[in-house]
Amino acid sequence: MPATISRRAVRLTAGVVLVFLAGGCSGHKAASTPASARSTAASTPAPTVTPLSAAELAWITAVTNLHHKIDKPFQASSITMTRAKMTELGNALRACHRELRQMGAPGARLQPVYATVSKACRTLDQGARCFAKAASVSDAAGATVAGSVEARTQDRSLSCGFSAQGNGSNLLSDAEAQAAAIKAQFP
């Protein structure tokens, strides 16, 4: 654990302990709430829960569809990494922001999900740039000269692209889980 985090934790803990000590050691007893005040507080109606709108439900479905669309090219049992395939994989990742713009911003309740999807799209954009870099140093068949600068660049770029795809996909899964939790909260 970094030293700054542990110092913050100690300061926070010390502050909480002091507050409890000061409150408990003051010698004053809090006045009890009269029975009439307690009964009126309990009789106030709970706020009504508004169910998700059709637009919000459609937006949640669009997030799931986006995730499937982006992951589909990466789920093949085998991939031959030609220049065209690298470009195709990069374009699949790059589609995230375009799709998100078409979906539009959701309502206030789904803003945490929107933030996670936006973060996923930024991660996927990085992967798209990596695949584009790998394609730029490859010949049409996806080959490079072994041991060359191009071969090292291609290896590094492909690793970056696949890593970003995995991280972005995980973020989209997180967004779907957030959406499911919100959906359960507002049936």
C-alpha atoms as a PDB file:
ATOM      1  CA  MET A   1       0.000   0.000   0.000  1.00  0.00           C
ATOM      2  CA  PRO A   2       1.491   3.400  -0.900  1.00  0.00           C
ATOM      3  CA  ALA A   3       2.532   5.598   2.009  1.00  0.00           C
ATOM      4  CA  THR A   4       0.123   8.382   1.022  1.00  0.00           C
ATOM      5  CA  ILE A   5      -2.858   6.089   1.177  1.00  0.00           C
ATOM      6  CA  SER A   6      -1.879   4.656   4.559  1.00  0.00           C
ATOM      7  CA  ARG A   7      -1.328   8.164   6.006  1.00  0.00           C
ATOM      8  CA  ARG A   8      -4.733   9.244   4.720  1.00  0.00           C
ATOM      9  CA  ALA A   9      -6.323   6.159   6.215  1.00  0.00           C
ATOM     10  CA  VAL A  10      -4.668   6.801   9.578  1.00  0.00           C
ATOM     11  CA  ARG A  11      -5.764  10.453   9.560  1.00  0.00           C
ATOM     12  CA  LEU A  12      -9.317   9.499   8.614  1.00  0.00           C
ATOM     13  CA  THR A  13      -9.477   6.797  11.267  1.00  0.00           C
ATOM     14  CA  ALA A  14      -8.040   9.135  13.916  1.00  0.00           C
ATOM     15  CA  GLY A  15     -10.586  11.791  12.972  1.00  0.00           C
ATOM     16  CA  VAL A  16     -13.504   9.368  13.242  1.00  0.00           C
ATOM     17  CA  VAL A  17     -12.271   8.077  16.607  1.00  0.00           C
ATOM     18  CA  LEU A  18     -11.942  11.640  17.934  1.00  0.00           C
ATOM     19  CA  VAL A  19     -15.473  12.480  16.849  1.00  0.00           C
ATOM     20  CA  PHE A  20     -16.863   9.435  18.619  1.00  0.00           C
ATOM     21  CA  LEU A  21     -14.802  10.115  21.750  1.00  0.00           C
ATOM     22  CA  ALA A  22     -15.858  13.745  21.847  1.00  0.00           C
ATOM     23  CA  GLY A  23     -19.491  12.809  21.422  1.00  0.00           C
ATOM     24  CA  GLY A  24     -19.386  10.032  24.010  1.00  0.00           C
ATOM     25  CA  CYS A  25     -17.308  11.887  26.595  1.00  0.00           C
ATOM     26  CA  SER A  26     -19.212  15.148  26.575  1.00  0.00           C
ATOM     27  CA  GLY A  27     -21.398  14.054  29.459  1.00  0.00           C
ATOM     28  CA  HIS A  28     -24.558  15.392  27.827  1.00  0.00           C
ATOM     29  CA  LYS A  29     -27.449  13.180  27.104  1.00  0.00           C
ATOM     30  CA  ALA A  30     -29.503  13.800  24.016  1.00  0.00           C
ATOM     31  CA  ALA A  31     -33.102  14.663  24.630  1.00  0.00           C
ATOM     32  CA  SER A  32     -35.350  11.817  23.674  1.00  0.00           C
ATOM     33  CA  THR A  33     -37.740  12.384  20.836  1.00  0.00           C
ATOM     34  CA  PRO A  34     -41.343  12.618  21.987  1.00  0.00           C
ATOM     35  CA  ALA A  35     -43.595   9.763  20.952  1.00  0.00           C
ATOM     36  CA  SER A  36     -45.767  12.075  18.858  1.00  0.00           C
ATOM     37  CA  ALA A  37     -42.779  13.214  16.806  1.00  0.00           C
ATOM     38  CA  ARG A  38     -41.716   9.642  16.167  1.00  0.00           C
ATOM     39  CA  SER A  39     -45.145   8.550  15.000  1.00  0.00           C
ATOM     40  CA  THR A  40     -45.512  11.398  12.506  1.00  0.00           C
ATOM     41  CA  ALA A  41     -42.097  10.679  11.042  1.00  0.00           C
ATOM     42  CA  ALA A  42     -43.040   7.049  10.526  1.00  0.00           C
ATOM     43  CA  SER A  43     -46.360   7.915   8.909  1.00  0.00           C
ATOM     44  CA  THR A  44     -44.899  10.028   6.071  1.00  0.00           C
ATOM     45  CA  PRO A  45     -45.242   8.164   2.795  1.00  0.00           C
ATOM     46  CA  ALA A  46     -42.135   6.819   1.119  1.00  0.00           C
ATOM     47  CA  PRO A  47     -41.187   8.512  -2.143  1.00  0.00           C
ATOM     48  CA  THR A  48     -42.628   6.781  -5.172  1.00  0.00           C
ATOM     49  CA  VAL A  49     -40.241   4.895  -7.410  1.00  0.00           C
ATOM     50  CA  THR A  50     -40.667   5.731 -11.070  1.00  0.00           C
ATOM     51  CA  PRO A  51     -40.020   2.713 -13.298  1.00  0.00           C
ATOM     52  CA  LEU A  52     -37.497   2.996 -16.115  1.00  0.00           C
ATOM     53  CA  SER A  53     -38.938   4.519 -19.243  1.00  0.00           C
ATOM     54  CA  ALA A  54     -39.070   2.742 -22.582  1.00  0.00           C
ATOM     55  CA  ALA A  55     -36.236   4.985 -23.802  1.00  0.00           C
ATOM     56  CA  GLU A  56     -34.067   4.049 -20.815  1.00  0.00           C
ATOM     57  CA  LEU A  57     -34.764   0.342 -21.334  1.00  0.00           C
ATOM     58  CA  ALA A  58     -33.931   0.706 -25.038  1.00  0.00           C
ATOM     59  CA  TRP A  59     -30.664   2.437 -24.120  1.00  0.00           C
ATOM     60  CA  ILE A  60     -29.726  -0.449 -21.804  1.00  0.00           C
ATOM     61  CA  THR A  61     -30.461  -2.916 -24.611  1.00  0.00           C
ATOM     62  CA  ALA A  62     -28.320  -0.831 -26.969  1.00  0.00           C
ATOM     63  CA  VAL A  63     -25.371  -1.146 -24.550  1.00  0.00           C
ATOM     64  CA  THR A  64     -25.697  -4.939 -24.614  1.00  0.00           C
ATOM     65  CA  ASN A  65     -25.937  -4.936 -28.415  1.00  0.00           C
ATOM     66  CA  LEU A  66     -22.875  -2.674 -28.636  1.00  0.00           C
ATOM     67  CA  HIS A  67     -20.889  -5.075 -26.473  1.00  0.00           C
ATOM     68  CA  HIS A  68     -21.836  -8.067 -28.632  1.00  0.00           C
ATOM     69  CA  LYS A  69     -21.080  -6.171 -31.851  1.00  0.00           C
ATOM     70  CA  ILE A  70     -17.613  -5.142 -30.698  1.00  0.00           C
ATOM     71  CA  ASP A  71     -16.689  -8.567 -29.301  1.00  0.00           C
ATOM     72  CA  LYS A  72     -17.947 -10.590 -32.289  1.00  0.00           C
ATOM     73  CA  PRO A  73     -14.854 -10.301 -34.555  1.00  0.00           C
ATOM     74  CA  PHE A  74     -12.629 -11.360 -31.651  1.00  0.00           C
ATOM     75  CA  GLN A  75     -14.589 -14.519 -30.859  1.00  0.00           C
ATOM     76  CA  ALA A  76     -13.546 -16.480 -33.948  1.00  0.00           C
ATOM     77  CA  SER A  77     -11.885 -19.802 -33.141  1.00  0.00           C
ATOM     78  CA  SER A  78      -8.853 -18.760 -35.190  1.00  0.00           C
ATOM     79  CA  ILE A  79      -7.784 -15.457 -36.682  1.00  0.00           C
ATOM     80  CA  THR A  80      -5.289 -15.079 -39.515  1.00  0.00           C
ATOM     81  CA  MET A  81      -3.632 -11.741 -38.863  1.00  0.00           C
ATOM     82  CA  THR A  82      -3.431 -10.208 -42.322  1.00  0.00           C
ATOM     83  CA  ARG A  83      -3.207  -6.459 -42.769  1.00  0.00           C
ATOM     84  CA  ALA A  84      -6.897  -6.449 -43.723  1.00  0.00           C
ATOM     85  CA  LYS A  85      -7.810  -8.401 -40.549  1.00  0.00           C
ATOM     86  CA  MET A  86      -5.823  -5.995 -38.363  1.00  0.00           C
ATOM     87  CA  THR A  87      -7.655  -3.100 -39.995  1.00  0.00           C
ATOM     88  CA  GLU A  88     -11.013  -4.859 -39.522  1.00  0.00           C
ATOM     89  CA  LEU A  89     -10.328  -5.464 -35.817  1.00  0.00           C
ATOM     90  CA  GLY A  90      -9.288  -1.833 -35.362  1.00  0.00           C
ATOM     91  CA  ASN A  91     -12.449  -0.639 -37.096  1.00  0.00           C
ATOM     92  CA  ALA A  92     -14.576  -2.885 -34.859  1.00  0.00           C
ATOM     93  CA  LEU A  93     -13.055  -1.254 -31.779  1.00  0.00           C
ATOM     94  CA  ARG A  94     -13.318   2.235 -33.242  1.00  0.00           C
ATOM     95  CA  ALA A  95     -17.076   1.730 -33.733  1.00  0.00           C
ATOM     96  CA  CYS A  96     -17.713   2.093 -30.005  1.00  0.00           C
ATOM     97  CA  HIS A  97     -17.756   5.892 -29.916  1.00  0.00           C
ATOM     98  CA  ARG A  98     -19.778   6.101 -33.133  1.00  0.00           C
ATOM     99  CA  GLU A  99     -22.405   3.736 -31.704  1.00  0.00           C
ATOM    100  CA  LEU A 100     -22.437   5.569 -28.380  1.00  0.00           C
ATOM    101  CA  ARG A 101     -23.082   8.880 -30.176  1.00  0.00           C
ATOM    102  CA  GLN A 102     -25.988   7.270 -32.047  1.00  0.00           C
ATOM    103  CA  MET A 103     -27.403   5.933 -28.767  1.00  0.00           C
ATOM    104  CA  GLY A 104     -27.271   9.410 -27.256  1.00  0.00           C
ATOM    105  CA  ALA A 105     -26.974  10.303 -23.601  1.00  0.00           C
ATOM    106  CA  PRO A 106     -29.354   8.469 -21.267  1.00  0.00           C
ATOM    107  CA  GLY A 107     -31.385   9.958 -18.451  1.00  0.00           C
ATOM    108  CA  ALA A 108     -29.879  10.924 -15.110  1.00  0.00           C
ATOM    109  CA  ARG A 109     -30.378   7.476 -13.566  1.00  0.00           C
ATOM    110  CA  LEU A 110     -28.184   5.842 -16.202  1.00  0.00           C
ATOM    111  CA  GLN A 111     -25.343   8.390 -16.092  1.00  0.00           C
ATOM    112  CA  PRO A 112     -23.013   6.003 -14.166  1.00  0.00           C
ATOM    113  CA  VAL A 113     -23.534   3.415 -16.909  1.00  0.00           C
ATOM    114  CA  TYR A 114     -22.883   6.054 -19.578  1.00  0.00           C
ATOM    115  CA  ALA A 115     -19.619   7.013 -17.849  1.00  0.00           C
ATOM    116  CA  THR A 116     -18.463   3.382 -17.821  1.00  0.00           C
ATOM    117  CA  VAL A 117     -19.377   2.894 -21.494  1.00  0.00           C
ATOM    118  CA  SER A 118     -17.501   6.104 -22.363  1.00  0.00           C
ATOM    119  CA  LYS A 119     -14.442   4.806 -20.519  1.00  0.00           C
ATOM    120  CA  ALA A 120     -14.751   1.506 -22.417  1.00  0.00           C
ATOM    121  CA  CYS A 121     -14.891   3.396 -25.716  1.00  0.00           C
ATOM    122  CA  ARG A 122     -11.743   5.350 -24.844  1.00  0.00           C
ATOM    123  CA  THR A 123      -9.970   2.069 -24.055  1.00  0.00           C
ATOM    124  CA  LEU A 124     -11.213   0.525 -27.299  1.00  0.00           C
ATOM    125  CA  ASP A 125     -10.052   3.587 -29.257  1.00  0.00           C
ATOM    126  CA  GLN A 126      -6.546   2.954 -27.922  1.00  0.00           C
ATOM    127  CA  GLY A 127      -6.820  -0.633 -29.148  1.00  0.00           C
ATOM    128  CA  ALA A 128      -7.950   0.593 -32.568  1.00  0.00           C
ATOM    129  CA  ARG A 129      -4.856   2.798 -32.794  1.00  0.00           C
ATOM    130  CA  CYS A 130      -2.682  -0.193 -31.854  1.00  0.00           C
ATOM    131  CA  PHE A 131      -4.214  -2.378 -34.569  1.00  0.00           C
ATOM    132  CA  ALA A 132      -3.759   0.439 -37.099  1.00  0.00           C
ATOM    133  CA  LYS A 133      -0.077   0.709 -36.116  1.00  0.00           C
ATOM    134  CA  ALA A 134       0.363  -3.072 -36.480  1.00  0.00           C
ATOM    135  CA  ALA A 135      -1.277  -2.968 -39.926  1.00  0.00           C
ATOM    136  CA  SER A 136       0.930  -0.074 -41.015  1.00  0.00           C
ATOM    137  CA  VAL A 137       4.154  -2.065 -40.532  1.00  0.00           C
ATOM    138  CA  SER A 138       2.817  -5.301 -42.084  1.00  0.00           C
ATOM    139  CA  ASP A 139       2.696  -6.453 -45.667  1.00  0.00           C
ATOM    140  CA  ALA A 140      -0.648  -7.539 -47.163  1.00  0.00           C
ATOM    141  CA  ALA A 141      -0.285 -11.046 -45.705  1.00  0.00           C
ATOM    142  CA  GLY A 142       0.440  -9.586 -42.265  1.00  0.00           C
ATOM    143  CA  ALA A 143       4.106 -10.527 -42.342  1.00  0.00           C
ATOM    144  CA  THR A 144       7.176  -8.608 -41.273  1.00  0.00           C
ATOM    145  CA  VAL A 145      10.882  -9.447 -41.468  1.00  0.00           C
ATOM    146  CA  ALA A 146      11.817 -11.471 -38.369  1.00  0.00           C
ATOM    147  CA  GLY A 147      13.888  -9.481 -35.873  1.00  0.00           C
ATOM    148  CA  SER A 148      13.246  -6.165 -37.621  1.00  0.00           C
ATOM    149  CA  VAL A 149      11.978  -2.965 -36.047  1.00  0.00           C
ATOM    150  CA  GLU A 150       8.699  -3.568 -37.900  1.00  0.00           C
ATOM    151  CA  ALA A 151       8.356  -7.043 -36.373  1.00  0.00           C
ATOM    152  CA  ARG A 152       8.867  -5.665 -32.846  1.00  0.00           C
ATOM    153  CA  THR A 153       6.431  -2.830 -33.546  1.00  0.00           C
ATOM    154  CA  GLN A 154       3.861  -5.276 -34.888  1.00  0.00           C
ATOM    155  CA  ASP A 155       4.204  -7.614 -31.883  1.00  0.00           C
ATOM    156  CA  ARG A 156       3.936  -4.741 -29.405  1.00  0.00           C
ATOM    157  CA  SER A 157       0.995  -3.203 -31.286  1.00  0.00           C
ATOM    158  CA  LEU A 158      -0.940  -6.462 -31.578  1.00  0.00           C
ATOM    159  CA  SER A 159      -0.421  -7.133 -27.880  1.00  0.00           C
ATOM    160  CA  CYS A 160      -1.647  -3.611 -27.115  1.00  0.00           C
ATOM    161  CA  GLY A 161      -4.691  -4.030 -29.395  1.00  0.00           C
ATOM    162  CA  PHE A 162      -5.800  -7.342 -27.927  1.00  0.00           C
ATOM    163  CA  SER A 163      -5.190  -6.103 -24.385  1.00  0.00           C
ATOM    164  CA  ALA A 164      -7.276  -2.977 -24.992  1.00  0.00           C
ATOM    165  CA  GLN A 165     -10.047  -5.097 -26.504  1.00  0.00           C
ATOM    166  CA  GLY A 166     -10.131  -7.294 -23.402  1.00  0.00           C
ATOM    167  CA  ASN A 167     -10.077  -4.326 -21.031  1.00  0.00           C
ATOM    168  CA  GLY A 168     -12.747  -2.491 -23.014  1.00  0.00           C
ATOM    169  CA  SER A 169     -14.924  -5.599 -23.128  1.00  0.00           C
ATOM    170  CA  ASN A 170     -14.579  -5.962 -19.355  1.00  0.00           C
ATOM    171  CA  LEU A 171     -15.661  -2.345 -18.912  1.00  0.00           C
ATOM    172  CA  LEU A 172     -18.689  -2.963 -21.126  1.00  0.00           C
ATOM    173  CA  SER A 173     -19.531  -5.982 -18.952  1.00  0.00           C
ATOM    174  CA  ASP A 174     -19.266  -3.708 -15.907  1.00  0.00           C
ATOM    175  CA  ALA A 175     -21.610  -1.230 -17.590  1.00  0.00           C
ATOM    176  CA  GLU A 176     -24.118  -4.012 -18.264  1.00  0.00           C
ATOM    177  CA  ALA A 177     -23.933  -5.075 -14.608  1.00  0.00           C
ATOM    178  CA  GLN A 178     -24.487  -1.463 -13.501  1.00  0.00           C
ATOM    179  CA  ALA A 179     -27.478  -1.230 -15.836  1.00  0.00           C
ATOM    180  CA  ALA A 180     -28.916  -4.486 -14.483  1.00  0.00           C
ATOM    181  CA  ALA A 181     -28.585  -3.192 -10.908  1.00  0.00           C
ATOM    182  CA  ILE A 182     -30.349   0.053 -11.822  1.00  0.00           C
ATOM    183  CA  LYS A 183     -33.006  -1.899 -13.709  1.00  0.00           C
ATOM    184  CA  ALA A 184     -33.629  -4.031 -10.593  1.00  0.00           C
ATOM    185  CA  GLN A 185     -33.847  -0.908  -8.460  1.00  0.00           C
ATOM    186  CA  PHE A 186     -36.500   0.651 -10.694  1.00  0.00           C
ATOM    187  CA  PRO A 187     -38.692  -2.267 -11.884  1.00  0.00           C
END
